[in-house]
């Protein structure tokens, strides 16, 4: 038994490491872009901080628009980050990265005709999918941690102060939303072997989730559907202002695990293109 399983262990570990090595240039590029985004947003804040004119301008907006774009307390550090960073752009950037990477991890192997090399290791298909997903987890987590450190450490230099607990809650919400749809991209790729389909479907559903949760403030017939929106359970609950909502986060975590379970089931049963 030991002679059969011992070679598998180091090879199994290299599946995650191999995926991370293949995507390291992409990860570095996304990390650099995320830092630039954070610096630009922070650099603008001193012109807004304590500016009464901005406060009057925001108060002149119709209340529905203030709710949609989360414009409460815009001139404060937390209010500024809520509107300019976490209302859309930061979760979107993390989600785009996760979907692009997740859809490539399995389906990309088939399109590049490298799946034979991957499955030549003496491990099951399910273990391969798990190791691929762990690479996705590492990548999305790395960007989430980087974003939090950039905003938390550099913010005071630009007069922007927000508690680490509040910032962590917002970053975790963005991270979990991105991981869910990145896992969906991986699952669709595992089920179909088509990277383009995986990216298109996961991106469309992520945007739909955002729109349902956001527009339900204005459109009454959308309100029953917002409970099915992952954005509703991660970002619409205002984690930056109200902290962690563990029940909502648990729902998204369970959906993410369901996507992973689908990927395991589908990849194990499908005839792969080699």
Protein backbone atom coordinates (compact mmCIF):
# COMPACT_ATOMS: atom_id res chain seq x y z
CA UNK A 1 0.00 0.00 0.00
CA UNK A 2 2.74 2.46 0.94
CA UNK A 3 4.66 1.81 -2.30
CA UNK A 4 1.60 2.86 -4.28
CA UNK A 5 0.61 5.94 -2.32
CA UNK A 6 3.99 7.48 -1.51
CA UNK A 7 4.73 8.73 -5.05
CA UNK A 8 1.27 10.29 -5.21
CA UNK A 9 1.78 12.60 -2.24
CA UNK A 10 4.50 14.83 -3.70
CA UNK A 11 2.81 14.80 -7.09
CA UNK A 12 -0.50 15.73 -5.52
CA UNK A 13 1.06 18.68 -3.78
CA UNK A 14 2.54 19.91 -7.03
CA UNK A 15 -0.88 20.22 -8.72
CA UNK A 16 -1.70 23.26 -6.59
CA UNK A 17 1.86 24.54 -6.82
CA UNK A 18 1.91 24.00 -10.59
CA UNK A 19 -1.33 25.95 -11.01
CA UNK A 20 0.05 28.81 -8.92
CA UNK A 21 3.29 28.86 -10.91
CA UNK A 22 1.40 28.95 -14.21
CA UNK A 23 -0.69 31.90 -13.02
CA UNK A 24 2.01 33.82 -11.13
CA UNK A 25 2.38 36.50 -13.80
CA UNK A 26 -1.36 37.06 -13.80
CA UNK A 27 -1.43 37.20 -10.01
CA UNK A 28 1.41 39.73 -9.90
CA UNK A 29 -0.31 41.87 -12.53
CA UNK A 30 -3.63 41.85 -10.70
CA UNK A 31 -1.85 42.62 -7.41
CA UNK A 32 -0.13 45.61 -8.97
CA UNK A 33 -3.37 46.88 -10.49
CA UNK A 34 -5.18 46.49 -7.18
CA UNK A 35 -2.52 48.49 -5.34
CA UNK A 36 -2.74 51.27 -7.95
CA UNK A 37 -6.52 51.32 -7.58
CA UNK A 38 -6.25 51.62 -3.79
CA UNK A 39 -3.66 54.41 -4.05
CA UNK A 40 -5.79 56.39 -6.49
CA UNK A 41 -8.87 56.09 -4.29
CA UNK A 42 -6.91 57.10 -1.21
CA UNK A 43 -5.25 60.03 -2.97
CA UNK A 44 -8.63 61.55 -3.82
CA UNK A 45 -9.94 61.40 -0.27
CA UNK A 46 -8.13 64.47 1.21
CA UNK A 47 -10.08 66.72 -1.17
CA UNK A 48 -13.34 65.25 0.15
CA UNK A 49 -12.56 64.82 3.84
CA UNK A 50 -14.49 67.37 5.86
CA UNK A 51 -15.60 69.26 2.77
CA UNK A 52 -19.06 70.66 3.52
CA UNK A 53 -19.72 71.28 -0.16
CA UNK A 54 -19.55 67.56 -0.87
CA UNK A 55 -21.91 66.89 1.99
CA UNK A 56 -24.44 69.38 0.62
CA UNK A 57 -24.11 67.88 -2.85
CA UNK A 58 -24.76 64.37 -1.60
CA UNK A 59 -27.75 65.52 0.45
CA UNK A 60 -29.23 67.02 -2.71
CA UNK A 61 -29.36 63.61 -4.37
CA UNK A 62 -32.72 61.78 -4.33
CA UNK A 63 -32.95 59.32 -1.48
CA UNK A 64 -33.26 56.24 -3.76
CA UNK A 65 -29.97 57.14 -5.46
CA UNK A 66 -28.29 57.62 -2.10
CA UNK A 67 -29.42 54.13 -1.13
CA UNK A 68 -28.32 52.51 -4.39
CA UNK A 69 -24.83 54.03 -4.32
CA UNK A 70 -24.53 53.89 -0.51
CA UNK A 71 -23.79 57.61 -0.18
CA UNK A 72 -24.39 57.92 3.56
CA UNK A 73 -21.61 59.76 5.44
CA UNK A 74 -19.68 60.16 2.19
CA UNK A 75 -17.09 62.58 3.61
CA UNK A 76 -16.06 60.19 6.41
CA UNK A 77 -13.44 57.49 5.91
CA UNK A 78 -15.90 54.62 6.22
CA UNK A 79 -18.52 56.35 4.08
CA UNK A 80 -16.00 57.15 1.35
CA UNK A 81 -14.70 53.57 1.20
CA UNK A 82 -18.25 52.24 1.22
CA UNK A 83 -19.18 54.33 -1.83
CA UNK A 84 -16.00 54.45 -3.90
CA UNK A 85 -14.39 51.09 -3.13
CA UNK A 86 -16.81 48.51 -1.78
CA UNK A 87 -20.10 49.53 -3.38
CA UNK A 88 -19.01 47.93 -6.67
CA UNK A 89 -15.43 48.29 -7.92
CA UNK A 90 -13.37 46.29 -5.40
CA UNK A 91 -15.72 43.27 -5.28
CA UNK A 92 -15.94 43.43 -9.08
CA UNK A 93 -12.16 43.36 -9.50
CA UNK A 94 -11.79 40.39 -7.17
CA UNK A 95 -14.66 38.60 -8.90
CA UNK A 96 -13.24 39.14 -12.39
CA UNK A 97 -9.92 37.74 -11.24
CA UNK A 98 -11.58 34.74 -9.61
CA UNK A 99 -13.80 33.97 -12.61
CA UNK A 100 -10.96 34.28 -15.14
CA UNK A 101 -8.68 32.10 -13.05
CA UNK A 102 -11.30 29.60 -11.92
CA UNK A 103 -12.61 29.01 -15.44
CA UNK A 104 -9.09 28.35 -16.68
CA UNK A 105 -7.95 25.95 -13.98
CA UNK A 106 -9.80 22.90 -15.33
CA UNK A 107 -11.29 23.85 -18.70
CA UNK A 108 -8.06 25.53 -19.71
CA UNK A 109 -6.20 22.25 -19.34
CA UNK A 110 -8.53 20.66 -21.91
CA UNK A 111 -8.31 23.54 -24.36
CA UNK A 112 -4.51 23.54 -24.16
CA UNK A 113 -4.48 19.73 -24.50
CA UNK A 114 -2.43 19.37 -21.30
CA UNK A 115 -5.03 17.36 -19.43
CA UNK A 116 -3.21 14.10 -20.23
CA UNK A 117 -0.13 15.32 -18.40
CA UNK A 118 -2.26 16.44 -15.46
CA UNK A 119 -4.12 13.12 -15.13
CA UNK A 120 -0.95 11.08 -15.57
CA UNK A 121 -0.39 11.57 -11.85
CA UNK A 122 -1.72 8.65 -9.78
CA UNK A 123 -4.51 10.67 -8.19
CA UNK A 124 -8.24 10.74 -8.78
CA UNK A 125 -10.00 13.38 -10.80
CA UNK A 126 -11.72 14.60 -7.68
CA UNK A 127 -8.43 15.21 -5.95
CA UNK A 128 -7.25 17.13 -9.00
CA UNK A 129 -10.31 19.41 -8.83
CA UNK A 130 -9.79 19.98 -5.10
CA UNK A 131 -6.15 20.90 -5.65
CA UNK A 132 -7.13 23.23 -8.48
CA UNK A 133 -9.72 24.88 -6.25
CA UNK A 134 -7.14 25.31 -3.50
CA UNK A 135 -5.01 27.26 -5.98
CA UNK A 136 -8.01 29.49 -6.66
CA UNK A 137 -8.53 29.94 -2.93
CA UNK A 138 -4.90 30.97 -2.45
CA UNK A 139 -5.03 33.46 -5.30
CA UNK A 140 -8.26 35.19 -4.25
CA UNK A 141 -7.16 35.25 -0.61
CA UNK A 142 -3.81 36.80 -1.53
CA UNK A 143 -5.51 39.65 -3.38
CA UNK A 144 -8.03 40.17 -0.58
CA UNK A 145 -5.28 40.38 2.05
CA UNK A 146 -3.28 42.74 -0.16
CA UNK A 147 -6.27 45.03 -0.61
CA UNK A 148 -6.93 45.17 3.12
CA UNK A 149 -3.29 45.92 3.93
CA UNK A 150 -3.09 48.62 1.26
CA UNK A 151 -6.21 50.41 2.51
CA UNK A 152 -5.54 49.88 6.20
CA UNK A 153 -1.84 50.77 6.25
CA UNK A 154 -1.79 53.54 3.66
CA UNK A 155 -5.14 55.12 4.56
CA UNK A 156 -3.87 57.20 7.51
CA UNK A 157 -1.26 58.83 5.24
CA UNK A 158 -4.21 60.23 3.25
CA UNK A 159 -6.26 61.25 6.34
CA UNK A 160 -8.51 58.20 5.92
CA UNK A 161 -9.10 56.30 9.12
CA UNK A 162 -11.29 53.23 9.48
CA UNK A 163 -11.15 50.41 12.01
CA UNK A 164 -9.47 47.17 11.03
CA UNK A 165 -12.57 45.23 12.11
CA UNK A 166 -14.82 47.20 9.74
CA UNK A 167 -12.31 46.97 6.91
CA UNK A 168 -11.92 43.23 7.45
CA UNK A 169 -15.68 42.72 7.28
CA UNK A 170 -15.88 44.54 3.94
CA UNK A 171 -12.90 42.68 2.49
CA UNK A 172 -14.21 39.30 3.64
CA UNK A 173 -17.57 40.02 2.01
CA UNK A 174 -15.85 40.96 -1.26
CA UNK A 175 -13.55 37.93 -1.01
CA UNK A 176 -16.35 35.46 -0.41
CA UNK A 177 -18.49 36.89 -3.23
CA UNK A 178 -15.52 36.56 -5.60
CA UNK A 179 -14.66 33.05 -4.42
CA UNK A 180 -18.25 31.88 -4.95
CA UNK A 181 -18.35 32.95 -8.59
CA UNK A 182 -14.79 31.84 -9.20
CA UNK A 183 -15.83 28.41 -7.96
CA UNK A 184 -18.85 28.57 -10.25
CA UNK A 185 -16.52 29.28 -13.17
CA UNK A 186 -14.42 26.28 -12.20
CA UNK A 187 -17.54 24.10 -11.94
CA UNK A 188 -18.92 25.09 -15.34
CA UNK A 189 -15.50 24.50 -16.87
CA UNK A 190 -15.29 21.10 -15.20
CA UNK A 191 -18.78 20.18 -16.42
CA UNK A 192 -18.33 21.36 -20.03
CA UNK A 193 -14.63 21.74 -20.76
CA UNK A 194 -15.42 25.15 -22.28
CA UNK A 195 -13.55 28.05 -20.75
CA UNK A 196 -15.48 30.75 -22.61
CA UNK A 197 -18.83 29.40 -21.48
CA UNK A 198 -17.61 29.17 -17.89
CA UNK A 199 -16.42 32.78 -17.91
CA UNK A 200 -19.53 34.12 -19.59
CA UNK A 201 -21.99 32.32 -17.34
CA UNK A 202 -20.18 33.08 -14.07
CA UNK A 203 -19.71 36.76 -14.97
CA UNK A 204 -23.34 37.15 -16.08
CA UNK A 205 -24.67 35.61 -12.88
CA UNK A 206 -22.35 37.73 -10.74
CA UNK A 207 -23.61 40.91 -12.41
CA UNK A 208 -27.19 39.69 -12.13
CA UNK A 209 -26.67 39.09 -8.42
CA UNK A 210 -25.41 42.66 -8.01
CA UNK A 211 -28.25 44.17 -10.04
CA UNK A 212 -30.98 42.23 -8.24
CA UNK A 213 -29.72 43.25 -4.82
CA UNK A 214 -29.13 46.87 -5.82
CA UNK A 215 -32.21 47.57 -7.91
CA UNK A 216 -34.55 45.88 -5.45
CA UNK A 217 -34.28 49.11 -3.46
CA UNK A 218 -36.23 50.81 -6.27
CA UNK A 219 -38.12 47.97 -7.97
CA UNK A 220 -40.62 46.35 -5.65
CA UNK A 221 -41.12 43.18 -7.69
CA UNK A 222 -37.40 42.42 -7.38
CA UNK A 223 -37.48 42.39 -3.59
CA UNK A 224 -38.49 38.71 -3.20
CA UNK A 225 -35.59 37.71 -5.45
CA UNK A 226 -32.91 39.56 -3.50
CA UNK A 227 -32.64 36.78 -0.93
CA UNK A 228 -31.29 34.60 -3.74
CA UNK A 229 -28.60 37.16 -4.55
CA UNK A 230 -25.15 36.45 -3.17
CA UNK A 231 -24.45 40.18 -3.27
CA UNK A 232 -27.35 40.68 -0.88
CA UNK A 233 -25.72 38.35 1.63
CA UNK A 234 -22.21 39.78 1.34
CA UNK A 235 -22.20 43.48 0.40
CA UNK A 236 -25.78 44.81 0.65
CA UNK A 237 -25.74 44.22 4.41
CA UNK A 238 -23.15 47.05 4.66
CA UNK A 239 -20.30 45.09 6.29
CA UNK A 240 -18.16 48.22 6.50
CA UNK A 241 -20.74 49.90 8.70
CA UNK A 242 -22.28 46.99 10.56
CA UNK A 243 -19.49 44.40 10.72
CA UNK A 244 -19.66 40.67 10.10
CA UNK A 245 -23.01 39.04 9.40
CA UNK A 246 -22.14 35.41 9.99
CA UNK A 247 -25.51 33.99 8.98
CA UNK A 248 -25.36 35.70 5.60
CA UNK A 249 -21.73 34.73 5.08
CA UNK A 250 -22.56 31.12 5.96
CA UNK A 251 -25.18 31.03 3.21
CA UNK A 252 -22.64 32.16 0.60
CA UNK A 253 -20.06 29.70 1.94
CA UNK A 254 -22.55 26.84 1.56
CA UNK A 255 -23.36 27.92 -2.01
CA UNK A 256 -19.63 27.97 -2.77
CA UNK A 257 -19.24 24.44 -1.42
CA UNK A 258 -22.24 23.36 -3.53
CA UNK A 259 -20.50 24.72 -6.65
CA UNK A 260 -17.36 22.82 -5.66
CA UNK A 261 -19.37 19.62 -5.14
CA UNK A 262 -20.87 20.05 -8.61
CA UNK A 263 -17.38 20.46 -10.07
CA UNK A 264 -16.21 17.26 -8.38
CA UNK A 265 -19.23 15.28 -9.56
CA UNK A 266 -19.19 16.59 -13.14
CA UNK A 267 -15.44 16.24 -13.75
CA UNK A 268 -15.39 12.72 -12.39
CA UNK A 269 -18.07 11.52 -14.82
CA UNK A 270 -17.37 13.40 -18.03
CA UNK A 271 -15.39 12.19 -21.03
CA UNK A 272 -12.51 14.64 -21.29
CA UNK A 273 -11.16 16.12 -24.49
CA UNK A 274 -7.55 14.99 -24.79
